[in-house]
PDB file of N, CA and C in Angstrom:
ATOM      1  N   UNK A   1       2.938   9.010  13.246  1.00  0.00           N
ATOM      2  CA  UNK A   1       3.243   8.147  12.124  1.00  0.00           C
ATOM      3  C   UNK A   1       3.619   8.957  10.880  1.00  0.00           C
ATOM      4  N   UNK A   2       3.399  10.267  10.905  1.00  0.00           N
ATOM      5  CA  UNK A   2       3.674  11.071   9.717  1.00  0.00           C
ATOM      6  C   UNK A   2       5.135  11.009   9.294  1.00  0.00           C
ATOM      7  N   UNK A   3       6.016  10.624  10.190  1.00  0.00           N
ATOM      8  CA  UNK A   3       7.440  10.536   9.836  1.00  0.00           C
ATOM      9  C   UNK A   3       7.751   9.283   9.016  1.00  0.00           C
ATOM     10  N   UNK A   4       6.852   8.336   9.016  1.00  0.00           N
ATOM     11  CA  UNK A   4       7.021   7.109   8.235  1.00  0.00           C
ATOM     12  C   UNK A   4       6.230   7.256   6.941  1.00  0.00           C
ATOM     13  N   UNK A   5       6.634   8.182   6.110  1.00  0.00           N
ATOM     14  CA  UNK A   5       5.827   8.544   4.943  1.00  0.00           C
ATOM     15  C   UNK A   5       6.593   8.432   3.639  1.00  0.00           C
ATOM     16  N   UNK A   6       7.450   7.434   3.517  1.00  0.00           N
ATOM     17  CA  UNK A   6       8.214   7.248   2.284  1.00  0.00           C
ATOM     18  C   UNK A   6       7.754   6.002   1.544  1.00  0.00           C
ATOM     19  N   UNK A   7       7.845   6.082   0.227  1.00  0.00           N
ATOM     20  CA  UNK A   7       7.672   4.915  -0.631  1.00  0.00           C
ATOM     21  C   UNK A   7       8.916   4.824  -1.490  1.00  0.00           C
ATOM     22  N   UNK A   8       9.652   3.733  -1.354  1.00  0.00           N
ATOM     23  CA  UNK A   8      10.884   3.537  -2.126  1.00  0.00           C
ATOM     24  C   UNK A   8      10.727   2.260  -2.929  1.00  0.00           C
ATOM     25  N   UNK A   9      10.742   2.400  -4.249  1.00  0.00           N
ATOM     26  CA  UNK A   9      10.606   1.245  -5.135  1.00  0.00           C
ATOM     27  C   UNK A   9      11.972   0.824  -5.650  1.00  0.00           C
ATOM     28  N   UNK A  10      12.262  -0.473  -5.587  1.00  0.00           N
ATOM     29  CA  UNK A  10      13.519  -1.031  -6.078  1.00  0.00           C
ATOM     30  C   UNK A  10      13.207  -1.879  -7.312  1.00  0.00           C
ATOM     31  N   UNK A  11      13.476  -1.365  -8.514  1.00  0.00           N
ATOM     32  CA  UNK A  11      13.121  -2.100  -9.732  1.00  0.00           C
ATOM     33  C   UNK A  11      13.885  -3.409  -9.908  1.00  0.00           C
ATOM     34  N   UNK A  12      15.095  -3.501  -9.403  1.00  0.00           N
ATOM     35  CA  UNK A  12      15.856  -4.738  -9.606  1.00  0.00           C
ATOM     36  C   UNK A  12      15.271  -5.903  -8.812  1.00  0.00           C
ATOM     37  N   UNK A  13      14.745  -5.633  -7.628  1.00  0.00           N
ATOM     38  CA  UNK A  13      14.130  -6.709  -6.838  1.00  0.00           C
ATOM     39  C   UNK A  13      12.609  -6.678  -6.918  1.00  0.00           C
ATOM     40  N   UNK A  14      12.071  -5.664  -7.569  1.00  0.00           N
ATOM     41  CA  UNK A  14      10.629  -5.462  -7.710  1.00  0.00           C
ATOM     42  C   UNK A  14       9.941  -5.468  -6.351  1.00  0.00           C
ATOM     43  N   UNK A  15      10.533  -4.732  -5.408  1.00  0.00           N
ATOM     44  CA  UNK A  15       9.951  -4.585  -4.086  1.00  0.00           C
ATOM     45  C   UNK A  15       9.769  -3.108  -3.766  1.00  0.00           C
ATOM     46  N   UNK A  16       8.892  -2.840  -2.825  1.00  0.00           N
ATOM     47  CA  UNK A  16       8.658  -1.468  -2.382  1.00  0.00           C
ATOM     48  C   UNK A  16       8.701  -1.423  -0.867  1.00  0.00           C
ATOM     49  N   UNK A  17       9.409  -0.455  -0.335  1.00  0.00           N
ATOM     50  CA  UNK A  17       9.386  -0.162   1.092  1.00  0.00           C
ATOM     51  C   UNK A  17       8.336   0.920   1.293  1.00  0.00           C
ATOM     52  N   UNK A  18       7.328   0.606   2.082  1.00  0.00           N
ATOM     53  CA  UNK A  18       6.181   1.493   2.243  1.00  0.00           C
ATOM     54  C   UNK A  18       6.086   1.925   3.693  1.00  0.00           C
ATOM     55  N   UNK A  19       6.073   3.228   3.923  1.00  0.00           N
ATOM     56  CA  UNK A  19       5.976   3.762   5.275  1.00  0.00           C
ATOM     57  C   UNK A  19       4.607   3.534   5.888  1.00  0.00           C
ATOM     58  N   UNK A  20       4.595   3.184   7.157  1.00  0.00           N
ATOM     59  CA  UNK A  20       3.352   2.878   7.859  1.00  0.00           C
ATOM     60  C   UNK A  20       2.478   4.108   8.078  1.00  0.00           C
ATOM     61  N   UNK A  21       3.026   5.305   7.934  1.00  0.00           N
ATOM     62  CA  UNK A  21       2.263   6.524   8.150  1.00  0.00           C
ATOM     63  C   UNK A  21       1.490   7.015   6.940  1.00  0.00           C
ATOM     64  N   UNK A  22       1.514   6.270   5.863  1.00  0.00           N
ATOM     65  CA  UNK A  22       0.828   6.672   4.626  1.00  0.00           C
ATOM     66  C   UNK A  22      -0.586   6.124   4.573  1.00  0.00           C
ATOM     67  N   UNK A  23      -1.388   6.715   3.690  1.00  0.00           N
ATOM     68  CA  UNK A  23      -2.655   6.099   3.316  1.00  0.00           C
ATOM     69  C   UNK A  23      -2.439   5.458   1.953  1.00  0.00           C
ATOM     70  N   UNK A  24      -3.257   4.482   1.628  1.00  0.00           N
ATOM     71  CA  UNK A  24      -3.031   3.708   0.404  1.00  0.00           C
ATOM     72  C   UNK A  24      -3.090   4.559  -0.859  1.00  0.00           C
ATOM     73  N   UNK A  25      -3.907   5.599  -0.870  1.00  0.00           N
ATOM     74  CA  UNK A  25      -3.949   6.478  -2.046  1.00  0.00           C
ATOM     75  C   UNK A  25      -2.570   7.066  -2.339  1.00  0.00           C
ATOM     76  N   UNK A  26      -1.829   7.417  -1.288  1.00  0.00           N
ATOM     77  CA  UNK A  26      -0.481   7.972  -1.463  1.00  0.00           C
ATOM     78  C   UNK A  26       0.489   6.918  -1.993  1.00  0.00           C
ATOM     79  N   UNK A  27       0.330   5.690  -1.527  1.00  0.00           N
ATOM     80  CA  UNK A  27       1.181   4.590  -1.998  1.00  0.00           C
ATOM     81  C   UNK A  27       0.936   4.344  -3.481  1.00  0.00           C
ATOM     82  N   UNK A  28      -0.331   4.240  -3.868  1.00  0.00           N
ATOM     83  CA  UNK A  28      -0.664   4.003  -5.279  1.00  0.00           C
ATOM     84  C   UNK A  28      -0.110   5.115  -6.161  1.00  0.00           C
ATOM     85  N   UNK A  29      -0.237   6.364  -5.727  1.00  0.00           N
ATOM     86  CA  UNK A  29       0.253   7.505  -6.507  1.00  0.00           C
ATOM     87  C   UNK A  29       1.778   7.474  -6.647  1.00  0.00           C
ATOM     88  N   UNK A  30       2.484   7.066  -5.597  1.00  0.00           N
ATOM     89  CA  UNK A  30       3.945   7.018  -5.651  1.00  0.00           C
ATOM     90  C   UNK A  30       4.449   5.897  -6.547  1.00  0.00           C
ATOM     91  N   UNK A  31       3.712   4.801  -6.624  1.00  0.00           N
ATOM     92  CA  UNK A  31       4.148   3.659  -7.435  1.00  0.00           C
ATOM     93  C   UNK A  31       3.696   3.739  -8.897  1.00  0.00           C
ATOM     94  N   UNK A  32       2.692   4.542  -9.164  1.00  0.00           N
ATOM     95  CA  UNK A  32       2.153   4.656 -10.528  1.00  0.00           C
ATOM     96  C   UNK A  32       3.207   5.026 -11.575  1.00  0.00           C
ATOM     97  N   UNK A  33       4.112   5.974 -11.319  1.00  0.00           N
ATOM     98  CA  UNK A  33       5.129   6.303 -12.329  1.00  0.00           C
ATOM     99  C   UNK A  33       6.049   5.130 -12.671  1.00  0.00           C
ATOM    100  N   UNK A  34       6.141   4.154 -11.776  1.00  0.00           N
ATOM    101  CA  UNK A  34       6.987   2.982 -12.008  1.00  0.00           C
ATOM    102  C   UNK A  34       6.234   1.874 -12.747  1.00  0.00           C
ATOM    103  N   UNK A  35       4.934   2.060 -12.952  1.00  0.00           N
ATOM    104  CA  UNK A  35       4.128   1.059 -13.648  1.00  0.00           C
ATOM    105  C   UNK A  35       3.853  -0.179 -12.809  1.00  0.00           C
ATOM    106  N   UNK A  36       3.891  -0.040 -11.487  1.00  0.00           N
ATOM    107  CA  UNK A  36       3.629  -1.165 -10.595  1.00  0.00           C
ATOM    108  C   UNK A  36       2.558  -0.772  -9.583  1.00  0.00           C
ATOM    109  N   UNK A  37       2.036  -1.774  -8.886  1.00  0.00           N
ATOM    110  CA  UNK A  37       1.015  -1.535  -7.889  1.00  0.00           C
ATOM    111  C   UNK A  37       1.149  -2.579  -6.796  1.00  0.00           C
ATOM    112  N   UNK A  38       0.438  -2.410  -5.712  1.00  0.00           N
ATOM    113  CA  UNK A  38       0.427  -3.345  -4.596  1.00  0.00           C
ATOM    114  C   UNK A  38      -1.018  -3.627  -4.209  1.00  0.00           C
ATOM    115  N   UNK A  39      -1.223  -4.721  -3.499  1.00  0.00           N
ATOM    116  CA  UNK A  39      -2.540  -4.983  -2.943  1.00  0.00           C
ATOM    117  C   UNK A  39      -2.652  -4.222  -1.639  1.00  0.00           C
ATOM    118  N   UNK A  40      -3.670  -3.409  -1.527  1.00  0.00           N
ATOM    119  CA  UNK A  40      -3.842  -2.614  -0.321  1.00  0.00           C
ATOM    120  C   UNK A  40      -5.300  -2.287  -0.109  1.00  0.00           C
ATOM    121  N   UNK A  41      -5.555  -1.292   0.698  1.00  0.00           N
ATOM    122  CA  UNK A  41      -6.932  -0.910   0.997  1.00  0.00           C
ATOM    123  C   UNK A  41      -7.676  -0.449  -0.238  1.00  0.00           C
ATOM    124  N   UNK A  42      -8.953  -0.775  -0.292  1.00  0.00           N
ATOM    125  CA  UNK A  42      -9.745  -0.392  -1.465  1.00  0.00           C
ATOM    126  C   UNK A  42     -10.640   0.809  -1.206  1.00  0.00           C
ATOM    127  N   UNK A  43     -10.662   1.299   0.027  1.00  0.00           N
ATOM    128  CA  UNK A  43     -11.455   2.468   0.366  1.00  0.00           C
ATOM    129  C   UNK A  43     -10.509   3.654   0.522  1.00  0.00           C
ATOM    130  N   UNK A  44     -10.839   4.751  -0.103  1.00  0.00           N
ATOM    131  CA  UNK A  44      -9.993   5.936  -0.053  1.00  0.00           C
ATOM    132  C   UNK A  44      -9.769   6.363   1.390  1.00  0.00           C
ATOM    133  N   UNK A  45      -8.514   6.639   1.704  1.00  0.00           N
ATOM    134  CA  UNK A  45      -8.195   7.128   3.031  1.00  0.00           C
ATOM    135  C   UNK A  45      -7.805   6.075   4.044  1.00  0.00           C
ATOM    136  N   UNK A  46      -7.764   4.813   3.658  1.00  0.00           N
ATOM    137  CA  UNK A  46      -7.368   3.761   4.589  1.00  0.00           C
ATOM    138  C   UNK A  46      -5.869   3.852   4.827  1.00  0.00           C
ATOM    139  N   UNK A  47      -5.450   3.802   6.083  1.00  0.00           N
ATOM    140  CA  UNK A  47      -4.041   3.882   6.428  1.00  0.00           C
ATOM    141  C   UNK A  47      -3.329   2.559   6.247  1.00  0.00           C
ATOM    142  N   UNK A  48      -2.056   2.620   5.887  1.00  0.00           N
ATOM    143  CA  UNK A  48      -1.247   1.421   5.688  1.00  0.00           C
ATOM    144  C   UNK A  48      -1.134   0.627   6.991  1.00  0.00           C
ATOM    145  N   UNK A  49      -0.801   1.290   8.086  1.00  0.00           N
ATOM    146  CA  UNK A  49      -0.596   0.584   9.355  1.00  0.00           C
ATOM    147  C   UNK A  49      -1.852  -0.137   9.815  1.00  0.00           C
ATOM    148  N   UNK A  50      -2.972   0.524   9.779  1.00  0.00           N
ATOM    149  CA  UNK A  50      -4.221  -0.096  10.216  1.00  0.00           C
ATOM    150  C   UNK A  50      -4.616  -1.273   9.352  1.00  0.00           C
ATOM    151  N   UNK A  51      -4.421  -1.144   8.059  1.00  0.00           N
ATOM    152  CA  UNK A  51      -4.770  -2.225   7.141  1.00  0.00           C
ATOM    153  C   UNK A  51      -3.876  -3.440   7.377  1.00  0.00           C
ATOM    154  N   UNK A  52      -2.583  -3.220   7.511  1.00  0.00           N
ATOM    155  CA  UNK A  52      -1.636  -4.311   7.704  1.00  0.00           C
ATOM    156  C   UNK A  52      -1.908  -5.048   9.020  1.00  0.00           C
ATOM    157  N   UNK A  53      -2.397  -4.331  10.006  1.00  0.00           N
ATOM    158  CA  UNK A  53      -2.698  -4.943  11.298  1.00  0.00           C
ATOM    159  C   UNK A  53      -4.072  -5.613  11.335  1.00  0.00           C
ATOM    160  N   UNK A  54      -4.737  -5.691  10.194  1.00  0.00           N
ATOM    161  CA  UNK A  54      -5.995  -6.426  10.121  1.00  0.00           C
ATOM    162  C   UNK A  54      -7.233  -5.566  10.100  1.00  0.00           C
ATOM    163  N   UNK A  55      -7.102  -4.294   9.797  1.00  0.00           N
ATOM    164  CA  UNK A  55      -8.254  -3.405   9.838  1.00  0.00           C
ATOM    165  C   UNK A  55      -8.949  -3.177   8.517  1.00  0.00           C
ATOM    166  N   UNK A  56      -8.735  -4.022   7.516  1.00  0.00           N
ATOM    167  CA  UNK A  56      -9.378  -3.791   6.233  1.00  0.00           C
ATOM    168  C   UNK A  56      -9.419  -5.027   5.378  1.00  0.00           C
ATOM    169  N   UNK A  57     -10.085  -4.900   4.245  1.00  0.00           N
ATOM    170  CA  UNK A  57     -10.212  -5.998   3.291  1.00  0.00           C
ATOM    171  C   UNK A  57      -9.674  -5.551   1.944  1.00  0.00           C
ATOM    172  N   UNK A  58      -9.289  -6.500   1.114  1.00  0.00           N
ATOM    173  CA  UNK A  58      -8.930  -6.216  -0.269  1.00  0.00           C
ATOM    174  C   UNK A  58      -9.890  -6.977  -1.160  1.00  0.00           C
ATOM    175  N   UNK A  59      -9.965  -6.620  -2.417  1.00  0.00           N
ATOM    176  CA  UNK A  59     -10.880  -7.279  -3.332  1.00  0.00           C
ATOM    177  C   UNK A  59     -10.640  -8.779  -3.403  1.00  0.00           C
ATOM    178  N   UNK A  60      -9.383  -9.200  -3.314  1.00  0.00           N
ATOM    179  CA  UNK A  60      -9.073 -10.631  -3.426  1.00  0.00           C
ATOM    180  C   UNK A  60      -9.421 -11.414  -2.161  1.00  0.00           C
ATOM    181  N   UNK A  61      -9.758 -10.732  -1.087  1.00  0.00           N
ATOM    182  CA  UNK A  61     -10.061 -11.435   0.155  1.00  0.00           C
ATOM    183  C   UNK A  61     -11.403 -12.151   0.086  1.00  0.00           C
ATOM    184  N   UNK A  62     -12.211 -11.836  -0.907  1.00  0.00           N
ATOM    185  CA  UNK A  62     -13.519 -12.472  -1.045  1.00  0.00           C
ATOM    186  C   UNK A  62     -13.506 -13.670  -1.990  1.00  0.00           C
ATOM    187  N   UNK A  63     -12.367 -13.960  -2.569  1.00  0.00           N
ATOM    188  CA  UNK A  63     -12.274 -15.084  -3.484  1.00  0.00           C
ATOM    189  C   UNK A  63     -12.134 -16.367  -2.679  1.00  0.00           C
ATOM    190  N   UNK A  64     -13.042 -17.333  -2.870  1.00  0.00           N
ATOM    191  CA  UNK A  64     -12.925 -18.585  -2.114  1.00  0.00           C
ATOM    192  C   UNK A  64     -11.676 -19.363  -2.515  1.00  0.00           C
ATOM    193  N   UNK A  65     -11.090 -20.031  -1.558  1.00  0.00           N
ATOM    194  CA  UNK A  65      -9.866 -20.799  -1.809  1.00  0.00           C
ATOM    195  C   UNK A  65     -10.163 -22.101  -2.516  1.00  0.00           C
TER     196      UNK A  65
END
């Protein structure tokens, strides 16, 4: 998965393409210079792929609907 390690932010559409081989700390660091953030893993070292496939929680997941 190390080959899927890019973060590309598009300011005009306000979207980010995030590689599945990253950990969330790397994603946050790459997006910080753009002044934007994403909802992702809250524990240091959580991988993007594992989290997206259901292997983690975010702070907002505990808010009742």
